[in-house]
C-alpha atoms as a PDB file:
ATOM      1  CA  MET A   1     -19.809  -4.042   7.200  1.00  0.00           C
ATOM      2  CA  GLU A   2     -18.874  -7.697   7.271  1.00  0.00           C
ATOM      3  CA  ALA A   3     -18.335  -9.031  10.755  1.00  0.00           C
ATOM      4  CA  VAL A   4     -15.182 -11.122  10.029  1.00  0.00           C
ATOM      5  CA  TYR A   5     -12.449 -11.327   7.390  1.00  0.00           C
ATOM      6  CA  ARG A   6      -9.147 -13.012   7.182  1.00  0.00           C
ATOM      7  CA  THR A   7      -5.827 -11.355   6.409  1.00  0.00           C
ATOM      8  CA  VAL A   8      -2.234 -11.516   7.774  1.00  0.00           C
ATOM      9  CA  GLU A   9      -0.935  -9.779  10.868  1.00  0.00           C
ATOM     10  CA  LYS A  10       2.284  -8.279   9.441  1.00  0.00           C
ATOM     11  CA  GLU A  11       4.656  -7.868   6.507  1.00  0.00           C
ATOM     12  CA  ALA A  12       7.018 -10.891   6.308  1.00  0.00           C
ATOM     13  CA  CYS A  13       9.078 -12.906   3.943  1.00  0.00           C
ATOM     14  CA  ALA A  14      10.464 -16.510   3.631  1.00  0.00           C
ATOM     15  CA  GLU A  15      12.512 -18.266   1.036  1.00  0.00           C
ATOM     16  CA  PHE A  16      13.585 -21.665  -0.258  1.00  0.00           C
ATOM     17  CA  VAL A  17      15.643 -23.195  -3.042  1.00  0.00           C
ATOM     18  CA  GLU A  18      14.241 -25.583  -5.597  1.00  0.00           C
ATOM     19  CA  ARG A  19      16.668 -27.224  -8.020  1.00  0.00           C
ATOM     20  CA  ARG A  20      19.080 -24.294  -7.663  1.00  0.00           C
ATOM     21  CA  SER A  21      16.425 -21.671  -8.259  1.00  0.00           C
ATOM     22  CA  ARG A  22      15.966 -19.357  -5.260  1.00  0.00           C
ATOM     23  CA  PHE A  23      12.419 -18.342  -4.478  1.00  0.00           C
ATOM     24  CA  VAL A  24      11.616 -15.533  -2.020  1.00  0.00           C
ATOM     25  CA  GLY A  25       8.022 -14.970  -0.923  1.00  0.00           C
ATOM     26  CA  TYR A  26       6.931 -11.614   0.443  1.00  0.00           C
ATOM     27  CA  ILE A  27       3.577 -10.719   1.959  1.00  0.00           C
ATOM     28  CA  ARG A  28       1.999  -7.587   3.356  1.00  0.00           C
ATOM     29  CA  PRO A  29      -1.494  -6.620   4.627  1.00  0.00           C
ATOM     30  CA  VAL A  30      -2.927  -3.735   2.528  1.00  0.00           C
ATOM     31  CA  THR A  31      -6.308  -2.032   2.309  1.00  0.00           C
ATOM     32  CA  GLU A  32      -6.270  -0.419  -1.165  1.00  0.00           C
ATOM     33  CA  GLU A  33      -4.962  -1.162  -4.608  1.00  0.00           C
ATOM     34  CA  GLY A  34      -2.371   1.638  -4.513  1.00  0.00           C
ATOM     35  CA  GLN A  35      -0.737   0.087  -1.437  1.00  0.00           C
ATOM     36  CA  ALA A  36      -0.543  -3.232  -3.229  1.00  0.00           C
ATOM     37  CA  GLN A  37       0.965  -1.814  -6.351  1.00  0.00           C
ATOM     38  CA  ALA A  38       3.515   0.234  -4.371  1.00  0.00           C
ATOM     39  CA  PHE A  39       4.617  -2.934  -2.535  1.00  0.00           C
ATOM     40  CA  ILE A  40       5.029  -4.773  -5.825  1.00  0.00           C
ATOM     41  CA  ALA A  41       6.985  -1.862  -7.356  1.00  0.00           C
ATOM     42  CA  ALA A  42       9.256  -1.793  -4.306  1.00  0.00           C
ATOM     43  CA  LYS A  43      10.006  -5.540  -4.531  1.00  0.00           C
ATOM     44  CA  LYS A  44      10.728  -5.312  -8.310  1.00  0.00           C
ATOM     45  CA  LYS A  45      13.149  -2.410  -7.586  1.00  0.00           C
ATOM     46  CA  GLU A  46      14.756  -4.332  -4.802  1.00  0.00           C
ATOM     47  CA  HIS A  47      15.093  -7.470  -6.938  1.00  0.00           C
ATOM     48  CA  TRP A  48      15.772  -5.776 -10.286  1.00  0.00           C
ATOM     49  CA  ASP A  49      18.200  -8.564 -11.191  1.00  0.00           C
ATOM     50  CA  ALA A  50      15.764 -11.415 -10.440  1.00  0.00           C
ATOM     51  CA  SER A  51      14.414 -13.566 -13.182  1.00  0.00           C
ATOM     52  CA  HIS A  52      10.827 -12.966 -12.288  1.00  0.00           C
ATOM     53  CA  ASN A  53       8.732 -11.019  -9.654  1.00  0.00           C
ATOM     54  CA  VAL A  54       5.401 -12.834  -9.673  1.00  0.00           C
ATOM     55  CA  TYR A  55       2.555 -11.239  -7.651  1.00  0.00           C
ATOM     56  CA  ALA A  56      -1.065 -11.579  -6.625  1.00  0.00           C
ATOM     57  CA  TYR A  57      -3.303  -9.556  -4.416  1.00  0.00           C
ATOM     58  CA  VAL A  58      -6.874  -9.683  -3.119  1.00  0.00           C
ATOM     59  CA  LEU A  59      -8.870  -6.699  -1.731  1.00  0.00           C
ATOM     60  CA  ARG A  60     -12.210  -6.563   0.024  1.00  0.00           C
ATOM     61  CA  GLU A  61     -13.039  -3.077  -1.414  1.00  0.00           C
ATOM     62  CA  GLY A  62     -14.270  -3.725  -4.934  1.00  0.00           C
ATOM     63  CA  GLN A  63     -13.716  -7.464  -4.615  1.00  0.00           C
ATOM     64  CA  ILE A  64     -10.454  -7.017  -6.545  1.00  0.00           C
ATOM     65  CA  ARG A  65      -8.235  -9.944  -7.505  1.00  0.00           C
ATOM     66  CA  ARG A  66      -5.076  -9.344  -9.596  1.00  0.00           C
ATOM     67  CA  TYR A  67      -2.080 -11.471 -10.497  1.00  0.00           C
ATOM     68  CA  SER A  68       0.856 -11.524 -12.878  1.00  0.00           C
ATOM     69  CA  ASP A  69       3.114 -14.373 -14.164  1.00  0.00           C
ATOM     70  CA  ASP A  70       5.870 -11.781 -14.924  1.00  0.00           C
ATOM     71  CA  GLY A  71       7.157 -13.714 -17.897  1.00  0.00           C
ATOM     72  CA  GLU A  72       6.778 -17.223 -16.484  1.00  0.00           C
ATOM     73  CA  PRO A  73       4.590 -19.499 -18.779  1.00  0.00           C
ATOM     74  CA  GLN A  74       0.970 -18.572 -18.542  1.00  0.00           C
ATOM     75  CA  GLY A  75      -0.849 -20.129 -15.569  1.00  0.00           C
ATOM     76  CA  THR A  76       2.282 -21.445 -13.828  1.00  0.00           C
ATOM     77  CA  ALA A  77       2.989 -18.594 -11.430  1.00  0.00           C
ATOM     78  CA  GLY A  78       0.475 -15.783 -10.756  1.00  0.00           C
ATOM     79  CA  VAL A  79      -2.552 -18.030 -10.622  1.00  0.00           C
ATOM     80  CA  PRO A  80      -0.968 -20.558  -8.290  1.00  0.00           C
ATOM     81  CA  VAL A  81       0.014 -17.593  -5.948  1.00  0.00           C
ATOM     82  CA  LEU A  82      -3.552 -16.227  -6.096  1.00  0.00           C
ATOM     83  CA  ASP A  83      -4.990 -19.667  -5.492  1.00  0.00           C
ATOM     84  CA  VAL A  84      -3.037 -19.942  -2.186  1.00  0.00           C
ATOM     85  CA  LEU A  85      -4.579 -16.654  -1.015  1.00  0.00           C
ATOM     86  CA  LEU A  86      -8.099 -17.755  -1.981  1.00  0.00           C
ATOM     87  CA  LYS A  87      -7.661 -21.210  -0.419  1.00  0.00           C
ATOM     88  CA  GLU A  88      -6.476 -19.596   2.773  1.00  0.00           C
ATOM     89  CA  GLY A  89      -9.464 -17.350   2.714  1.00  0.00           C
ATOM     90  CA  LEU A  90      -7.300 -14.188   2.835  1.00  0.00           C
ATOM     91  CA  THR A  91      -8.176 -10.702   1.644  1.00  0.00           C
ATOM     92  CA  ASP A  92      -6.582  -7.277   1.916  1.00  0.00           C
ATOM     93  CA  VAL A  93      -3.207  -8.825   1.222  1.00  0.00           C
ATOM     94  CA  VAL A  94      -0.496  -8.798  -1.407  1.00  0.00           C
ATOM     95  CA  VAL A  95       2.154 -11.434  -2.238  1.00  0.00           C
ATOM     96  CA  VAL A  96       5.277 -11.207  -4.334  1.00  0.00           C
ATOM     97  CA  VAL A  97       7.208 -14.312  -5.111  1.00  0.00           C
ATOM     98  CA  THR A  98      10.706 -13.467  -6.533  1.00  0.00           C
ATOM     99  CA  ARG A  99      12.606 -16.123  -8.555  1.00  0.00           C
ATOM    100  CA  TYR A 100      16.312 -16.222  -9.266  1.00  0.00           C
ATOM    101  CA  PHE A 101      16.761 -18.807 -11.991  1.00  0.00           C
ATOM    102  CA  GLY A 102      19.291 -21.424 -11.064  1.00  0.00           C
ATOM    103  CA  GLY A 103      19.874 -22.983 -14.500  1.00  0.00           C
ATOM    104  CA  VAL A 104      17.577 -25.995 -14.170  1.00  0.00           C
ATOM    105  CA  LEU A 105      14.149 -25.961 -15.865  1.00  0.00           C
ATOM    106  CA  LEU A 106      11.323 -26.917 -13.461  1.00  0.00           C
ATOM    107  CA  GLY A 107       8.599 -27.650 -16.034  1.00  0.00           C
ATOM    108  CA  ALA A 108       5.059 -26.357 -15.741  1.00  0.00           C
ATOM    109  CA  GLY A 109       4.083 -28.637 -12.877  1.00  0.00           C
ATOM    110  CA  GLY A 110       7.329 -27.784 -10.993  1.00  0.00           C
ATOM    111  CA  LEU A 111       6.721 -24.016 -11.462  1.00  0.00           C
ATOM    112  CA  VAL A 112       3.141 -24.376 -10.116  1.00  0.00           C
ATOM    113  CA  ARG A 113       4.333 -26.222  -7.014  1.00  0.00           C
ATOM    114  CA  ALA A 114       7.315 -23.849  -6.437  1.00  0.00           C
ATOM    115  CA  TYR A 115       5.237 -20.645  -6.695  1.00  0.00           C
ATOM    116  CA  SER A 116       2.432 -22.150  -4.558  1.00  0.00           C
ATOM    117  CA  HIS A 117       5.030 -23.059  -1.969  1.00  0.00           C
ATOM    118  CA  GLY A 118       6.604 -19.594  -2.094  1.00  0.00           C
ATOM    119  CA  ALA A 119       3.185 -18.030  -1.500  1.00  0.00           C
ATOM    120  CA  LYS A 120       2.265 -20.473   1.350  1.00  0.00           C
ATOM    121  CA  ILE A 121       5.468 -19.932   3.315  1.00  0.00           C
ATOM    122  CA  ALA A 122       4.981 -16.192   2.996  1.00  0.00           C
ATOM    123  CA  VAL A 123       1.379 -16.535   4.342  1.00  0.00           C
ATOM    124  CA  ASP A 124       2.597 -18.614   7.214  1.00  0.00           C
ATOM    125  CA  ALA A 125       5.362 -15.986   7.979  1.00  0.00           C
ATOM    126  CA  GLY A 126       2.836 -13.197   7.885  1.00  0.00           C
ATOM    127  CA  GLY A 127       0.641 -14.880  10.507  1.00  0.00           C
ATOM    128  CA  PRO A 128      -3.021 -15.330   9.371  1.00  0.00           C
ATOM    129  CA  VAL A 129      -5.489 -13.530  11.626  1.00  0.00           C
ATOM    130  CA  GLU A 130      -9.231 -12.999  11.695  1.00  0.00           C
ATOM    131  CA  MET A 131     -10.184  -9.315  11.749  1.00  0.00           C
ATOM    132  CA  ARG A 132     -13.427  -9.073  13.648  1.00  0.00           C
ATOM    133  CA  LEU A 133     -15.747  -6.071  13.793  1.00  0.00           C
ATOM    134  CA  CYS A 134     -15.790  -5.077  17.439  1.00  0.00           C
ATOM    135  CA  ASP A 135     -17.599  -2.782  19.764  1.00  0.00           C
ATOM    136  CA  GLN A 136     -15.263  -0.321  21.383  1.00  0.00           C
ATOM    137  CA  ALA A 137     -16.469  -0.682  24.912  1.00  0.00           C
ATOM    138  CA  ARG A 138     -15.925   0.580  28.463  1.00  0.00           C
ATOM    139  CA  ILE A 139     -16.725  -0.441  32.007  1.00  0.00           C
ATOM    140  CA  VAL A 140     -16.244   1.741  35.039  1.00  0.00           C
ATOM    141  CA  CYS A 141     -16.120  -0.283  38.289  1.00  0.00           C
ATOM    142  CA  GLU A 142     -14.933  -0.128  41.910  1.00  0.00           C
ATOM    143  CA  TYR A 143     -11.554  -1.441  42.873  1.00  0.00           C
ATOM    144  CA  THR A 144     -13.308  -4.306  44.707  1.00  0.00           C
ATOM    145  CA  GLN A 145     -14.954  -5.375  41.442  1.00  0.00           C
ATOM    146  CA  TYR A 146     -11.917  -4.941  39.200  1.00  0.00           C
ATOM    147  CA  GLY A 147     -10.350  -8.352  39.420  1.00  0.00           C
ATOM    148  CA  ARG A 148     -13.615 -10.218  38.454  1.00  0.00           C
ATOM    149  CA  VAL A 149     -14.502  -7.716  35.747  1.00  0.00           C
ATOM    150  CA  ALA A 150     -10.905  -7.863  34.287  1.00  0.00           C
ATOM    151  CA  SER A 151     -11.192 -11.700  34.033  1.00  0.00           C
ATOM    152  CA  LEU A 152     -14.629 -11.503  32.553  1.00  0.00           C
ATOM    153  CA  VAL A 153     -13.565  -9.565  29.450  1.00  0.00           C
ATOM    154  CA  PRO A 154     -11.392 -12.393  27.933  1.00  0.00           C
ATOM    155  CA  GLU A 155     -13.894 -15.007  29.158  1.00  0.00           C
ATOM    156  CA  ALA A 156     -16.559 -13.223  27.147  1.00  0.00           C
ATOM    157  CA  GLY A 157     -14.302 -13.219  24.019  1.00  0.00           C
ATOM    158  CA  GLY A 158     -12.953  -9.638  24.261  1.00  0.00           C
ATOM    159  CA  MET A 159      -9.611  -8.012  24.811  1.00  0.00           C
ATOM    160  CA  VAL A 160      -8.652  -5.211  27.171  1.00  0.00           C
ATOM    161  CA  THR A 161      -6.997  -2.265  25.439  1.00  0.00           C
ATOM    162  CA  ASP A 162      -6.531   0.266  28.205  1.00  0.00           C
ATOM    163  CA  THR A 163      -7.104   0.610  32.050  1.00  0.00           C
ATOM    164  CA  ARG A 164      -7.096   3.784  33.983  1.00  0.00           C
ATOM    165  CA  TYR A 165      -6.899   3.981  37.754  1.00  0.00           C
ATOM    166  CA  THR A 166      -8.468   6.998  39.399  1.00  0.00           C
ATOM    167  CA  ASP A 167     -11.031   6.991  42.193  1.00  0.00           C
ATOM    168  CA  ARG A 168     -12.556   4.110  40.250  1.00  0.00           C
ATOM    169  CA  VAL A 169     -11.219   1.768  37.535  1.00  0.00           C
ATOM    170  CA  GLU A 170     -11.995   2.569  33.888  1.00  0.00           C
ATOM    171  CA  MET A 171     -11.420  -0.367  31.549  1.00  0.00           C
ATOM    172  CA  ASP A 172     -11.552   0.021  27.719  1.00  0.00           C
ATOM    173  CA  PHE A 173     -11.877  -3.243  25.739  1.00  0.00           C
ATOM    174  CA  LEU A 174     -12.865  -4.595  22.309  1.00  0.00           C
ATOM    175  CA  LEU A 175     -15.708  -7.131  22.052  1.00  0.00           C
ATOM    176  CA  PRO A 176     -16.612  -8.824  18.811  1.00  0.00           C
ATOM    177  CA  ARG A 177     -20.060  -8.065  17.526  1.00  0.00           C
ATOM    178  CA  GLY A 178     -22.783 -10.328  18.872  1.00  0.00           C
ATOM    179  CA  LEU A 179     -21.102 -10.922  22.289  1.00  0.00           C
ATOM    180  CA  ARG A 180     -22.173  -7.779  24.169  1.00  0.00           C
ATOM    181  CA  GLU A 181     -25.611  -9.076  25.277  1.00  0.00           C
ATOM    182  CA  PRO A 182     -24.339 -12.335  26.842  1.00  0.00           C
ATOM    183  CA  MET A 183     -21.459 -10.478  28.489  1.00  0.00           C
ATOM    184  CA  GLN A 184     -23.799  -7.840  29.870  1.00  0.00           C
ATOM    185  CA  LYS A 185     -25.937 -10.620  31.388  1.00  0.00           C
ATOM    186  CA  GLN A 186     -22.837 -12.011  33.137  1.00  0.00           C
ATOM    187  CA  LEU A 187     -21.797  -8.541  34.247  1.00  0.00           C
ATOM    188  CA  THR A 188     -25.230  -7.915  35.664  1.00  0.00           C
ATOM    189  CA  GLU A 189     -25.185 -11.133  37.635  1.00  0.00           C
ATOM    190  CA  LEU A 190     -21.713 -10.547  39.227  1.00  0.00           C
ATOM    191  CA  SER A 191     -22.422  -6.853  40.048  1.00  0.00           C
ATOM    192  CA  ALA A 192     -26.141  -7.299  41.165  1.00  0.00           C
ATOM    193  CA  GLY A 193     -27.041  -4.973  38.269  1.00  0.00           C
ATOM    194  CA  ALA A 194     -24.673  -2.150  39.270  1.00  0.00           C
ATOM    195  CA  LEU A 195     -22.389  -2.349  36.197  1.00  0.00           C
ATOM    196  CA  SER A 196     -23.127  -1.967  32.570  1.00  0.00           C
ATOM    197  CA  ILE A 197     -21.179  -1.892  29.227  1.00  0.00           C
ATOM    198  CA  GLU A 198     -20.834   1.517  27.523  1.00  0.00           C
ATOM    199  CA  VAL A 199     -20.210   1.307  23.747  1.00  0.00           C
ATOM    200  CA  THR A 200     -18.059   4.199  22.438  1.00  0.00           C
ATOM    201  CA  GLY A 201     -17.492   3.092  18.833  1.00  0.00           C
ATOM    202  CA  GLU A 202     -16.505   0.303  16.554  1.00  0.00           C
ATOM    203  CA  GLN A 203     -13.339  -0.999  14.827  1.00  0.00           C
ATOM    204  CA  TYR A 204     -11.846  -4.177  13.435  1.00  0.00           C
ATOM    205  CA  ALA A 205      -9.308  -6.033  15.611  1.00  0.00           C
ATOM    206  CA  PRO A 206      -7.135  -9.117  14.993  1.00  0.00           C
ATOM    207  CA  PHE A 207      -7.970 -12.376  16.670  1.00  0.00           C
ATOM    208  CA  SER A 208      -6.431 -15.884  16.243  1.00  0.00           C
ATOM    209  CA  PRO A 209      -8.186 -17.685  13.398  1.00  0.00           C
ATOM    210  CA  THR A 210     -10.872 -20.079  14.272  1.00  0.00           C
ATOM    211  CA  LYS A 211     -10.299 -23.671  13.139  1.00  0.00           C
ATOM    212  CA  LYS A 212     -11.760 -24.422   9.726  1.00  0.00           C
END
């Protein structure tokens, strides 16, 4: 399994008008082709009266890349939308850019710019995130140790997901792969060797993208 991939956090949309043509960009995170196709079909149904419903999607599984100009001149719509996804390094995502023709021809260059912009504002609205493969981890500590342990988790690059207070404190957290050993070293130092990280599983979790 790859350690990191980029996608978007949520389904979103954004729109703009270019020379009286209205463009609406939609985006959604997906994990399989059926989800992408269902999203495209739903937008085509919603915007049945639009001039064009251009789409592109990229999936990790099978390294799938698909796009459609939906009647626009070849290479002026679907490819620019796909190019935005590839340039942003996104996968497991589908974009539909709907156009309502406003009566003014944009020309090939204008169409490329407009569809690229429609895709980009959809990406921004969806909120790019890095999905990192994490250890599902747990620490059980005394109440006197809790404050320091709780602050250590984000310092080490992880995120707390649940805390249970019984006779001791049980803290569940996610820690990106490769960070457990250095965190355990810090944990050993602050607890004089009394505490250890228990790994209970693995999952992908969203984190803010690192700067390119």
